[in-house]
C-alpha atoms as a PDB file:
ATOM      1  CA  TRP A   1     -13.358   2.560   5.092  1.00  0.00           C
ATOM      2  CA  CYS A   2     -11.170   3.814   8.024  1.00  0.00           C
ATOM      3  CA  VAL A   3     -13.320   5.516  10.411  1.00  0.00           C
ATOM      4  CA  THR A   4     -10.204   7.745  11.598  1.00  0.00           C
ATOM      5  CA  CYS A   5      -9.429   8.674   7.853  1.00  0.00           C
ATOM      6  CA  LYS A   6     -12.858   9.775   7.405  1.00  0.00           C
ATOM      7  CA  VAL A   7     -13.003  11.858  10.671  1.00  0.00           C
ATOM      8  CA  ASN A   8      -9.613  13.490   9.652  1.00  0.00           C
ATOM      9  CA  GLU A   9     -10.802  14.288   6.054  1.00  0.00           C
ATOM     10  CA  ALA A  10     -13.629  16.023   7.143  1.00  0.00           C
ATOM     11  CA  LEU A  11     -12.463  17.672  10.212  1.00  0.00           C
ATOM     12  CA  VAL A  12      -8.725  18.430   9.483  1.00  0.00           C
ATOM     13  CA  ILE A  13      -7.589  17.708   5.681  1.00  0.00           C
ATOM     14  CA  ASN A  14     -11.074  19.254   4.069  1.00  0.00           C
ATOM     15  CA  THR A  15     -11.090  22.386   5.752  1.00  0.00           C
ATOM     16  CA  GLU A  16     -11.041  26.135   4.751  1.00  0.00           C
ATOM     17  CA  SER A  17      -7.796  26.732   7.080  1.00  0.00           C
ATOM     18  CA  VAL A  18      -5.821  23.909   5.705  1.00  0.00           C
ATOM     19  CA  ALA A  19      -6.737  24.379   1.929  1.00  0.00           C
ATOM     20  CA  ASN A  20      -5.533  28.043   2.546  1.00  0.00           C
ATOM     21  CA  LYS A  21      -2.540  26.831   3.717  1.00  0.00           C
ATOM     22  CA  ILE A  22      -1.867  24.475   1.204  1.00  0.00           C
ATOM     23  CA  ARG A  23      -2.726  26.790  -1.567  1.00  0.00           C
ATOM     24  CA  GLU A  24      -0.335  29.796   0.237  1.00  0.00           C
ATOM     25  CA  THR A  25       2.482  27.385   0.545  1.00  0.00           C
ATOM     26  CA  GLN A  26       2.274  25.867  -3.305  1.00  0.00           C
ATOM     27  CA  THR A  27       1.689  22.319  -1.389  1.00  0.00           C
ATOM     28  CA  VAL A  28       0.755  19.270  -3.457  1.00  0.00           C
ATOM     29  CA  ALA A  29      -1.405  17.071  -1.486  1.00  0.00           C
ATOM     30  CA  VAL A  30      -1.255  13.560  -2.420  1.00  0.00           C
ATOM     31  CA  VAL A  31      -3.640  10.840  -1.181  1.00  0.00           C
ATOM     32  CA  ALA A  32      -2.676   7.047  -1.242  1.00  0.00           C
ATOM     33  CA  ASP A  33      -5.820   4.813  -1.425  1.00  0.00           C
ATOM     34  CA  TRP A  34      -4.910   1.764   0.551  1.00  0.00           C
ATOM     35  CA  THR A  35      -8.077   0.216  -0.028  1.00  0.00           C
ATOM     36  CA  LYS A  36      -6.993  -2.292  -2.600  1.00  0.00           C
ATOM     37  CA  ARG A  37      -3.487  -2.804  -0.734  1.00  0.00           C
ATOM     38  CA  ASP A  38      -1.118  -1.881  -3.503  1.00  0.00           C
ATOM     39  CA  LYS A  39       2.188  -2.786  -3.009  1.00  0.00           C
ATOM     40  CA  SER A  40       4.078   0.295  -3.219  1.00  0.00           C
ATOM     41  CA  ILE A  41       1.825   1.896  -0.410  1.00  0.00           C
ATOM     42  CA  GLY A  42       2.263  -1.278   1.698  1.00  0.00           C
ATOM     43  CA  LYS A  43       6.293  -0.922   1.278  1.00  0.00           C
ATOM     44  CA  LEU A  44       6.057   2.894   2.421  1.00  0.00           C
ATOM     45  CA  LEU A  45       4.010   2.311   5.271  1.00  0.00           C
ATOM     46  CA  HIS A  46       6.575  -0.466   6.441  1.00  0.00           C
ATOM     47  CA  GLU A  47       9.367   1.801   5.418  1.00  0.00           C
ATOM     48  CA  TYR A  48       8.086   4.047   8.326  1.00  0.00           C
ATOM     49  CA  GLY A  49       6.859   1.660  10.936  1.00  0.00           C
ATOM     50  CA  SER A  50       3.485   1.842  10.121  1.00  0.00           C
ATOM     51  CA  SER A  51       0.966  -1.244   9.854  1.00  0.00           C
ATOM     52  CA  GLY A  52      -1.898   0.657   8.535  1.00  0.00           C
ATOM     53  CA  VAL A  53      -3.936   3.700   7.939  1.00  0.00           C
ATOM     54  CA  PRO A  54      -4.172   6.409   8.384  1.00  0.00           C
ATOM     55  CA  PHE A  55      -0.770   7.302   7.891  1.00  0.00           C
ATOM     56  CA  TYR A  56       0.449  10.750   6.979  1.00  0.00           C
ATOM     57  CA  LEU A  57       3.782  11.393   5.391  1.00  0.00           C
ATOM     58  CA  PHE A  58       4.853  15.029   4.976  1.00  0.00           C
ATOM     59  CA  PHE A  59       7.827  15.762   2.395  1.00  0.00           C
ATOM     60  CA  PRO A  60       9.270  19.148   2.986  1.00  0.00           C
ATOM     61  CA  LYS A  61      10.261  20.868  -0.199  1.00  0.00           C
ATOM     62  CA  ASN A  62      13.987  21.828   0.790  1.00  0.00           C
ATOM     63  CA  SER A  63      14.776  18.596   2.737  1.00  0.00           C
ATOM     64  CA  THR A  64      15.171  14.673   1.545  1.00  0.00           C
ATOM     65  CA  ASN A  65      13.789  13.757   5.282  1.00  0.00           C
ATOM     66  CA  PRO A  66       9.948  13.270   5.112  1.00  0.00           C
ATOM     67  CA  ILE A  67       8.197  13.591   8.095  1.00  0.00           C
ATOM     68  CA  PRO A  68       5.681  11.171   9.578  1.00  0.00           C
ATOM     69  CA  LEU A  69       2.685  12.480  11.136  1.00  0.00           C
ATOM     70  CA  GLY A  70       0.482  10.554  13.671  1.00  0.00           C
ATOM     71  CA  PRO A  71      -2.619   8.752  12.733  1.00  0.00           C
ATOM     72  CA  VAL A  72      -5.061  11.114  14.687  1.00  0.00           C
ATOM     73  CA  ILE A  73      -3.853  14.956  13.308  1.00  0.00           C
ATOM     74  CA  SER A  74      -5.337  18.378  13.718  1.00  0.00           C
ATOM     75  CA  LYS A  75      -5.254  21.553  11.766  1.00  0.00           C
ATOM     76  CA  SER A  76      -2.421  23.013  13.839  1.00  0.00           C
ATOM     77  CA  VAL A  77      -0.469  19.913  13.286  1.00  0.00           C
ATOM     78  CA  ILE A  78      -0.777  20.034   9.384  1.00  0.00           C
ATOM     79  CA  ILE A  79      -0.409  23.992   9.198  1.00  0.00           C
ATOM     80  CA  GLU A  80       2.708  23.982  11.487  1.00  0.00           C
ATOM     81  CA  ALA A  81       4.482  21.427   9.192  1.00  0.00           C
ATOM     82  CA  LEU A  82       3.360  23.419   6.142  1.00  0.00           C
ATOM     83  CA  GLU A  83       4.516  26.653   7.635  1.00  0.00           C
ATOM     84  CA  ALA A  84       7.932  24.955   8.510  1.00  0.00           C
ATOM     85  CA  ASN A  85       8.158  23.862   4.871  1.00  0.00           C
END
């Protein structure tokens, strides 16, 4: 298990403020599990220049250009991305 992934989940993703913003913006959060090295996930990682996890990709609903986020995230980074959507 990726330590950075678990820290990001505990301190950022699974927090009340991020959960509230996800609900407020009617965003759908999707988690891709890379532990089994799924080829489609690997292709997406490669496509965006990432060699591994954690990797966060934000798909704004009014744009065709996904926004890659860094491997170390913060609540403000996620909330700002959701508010800009």
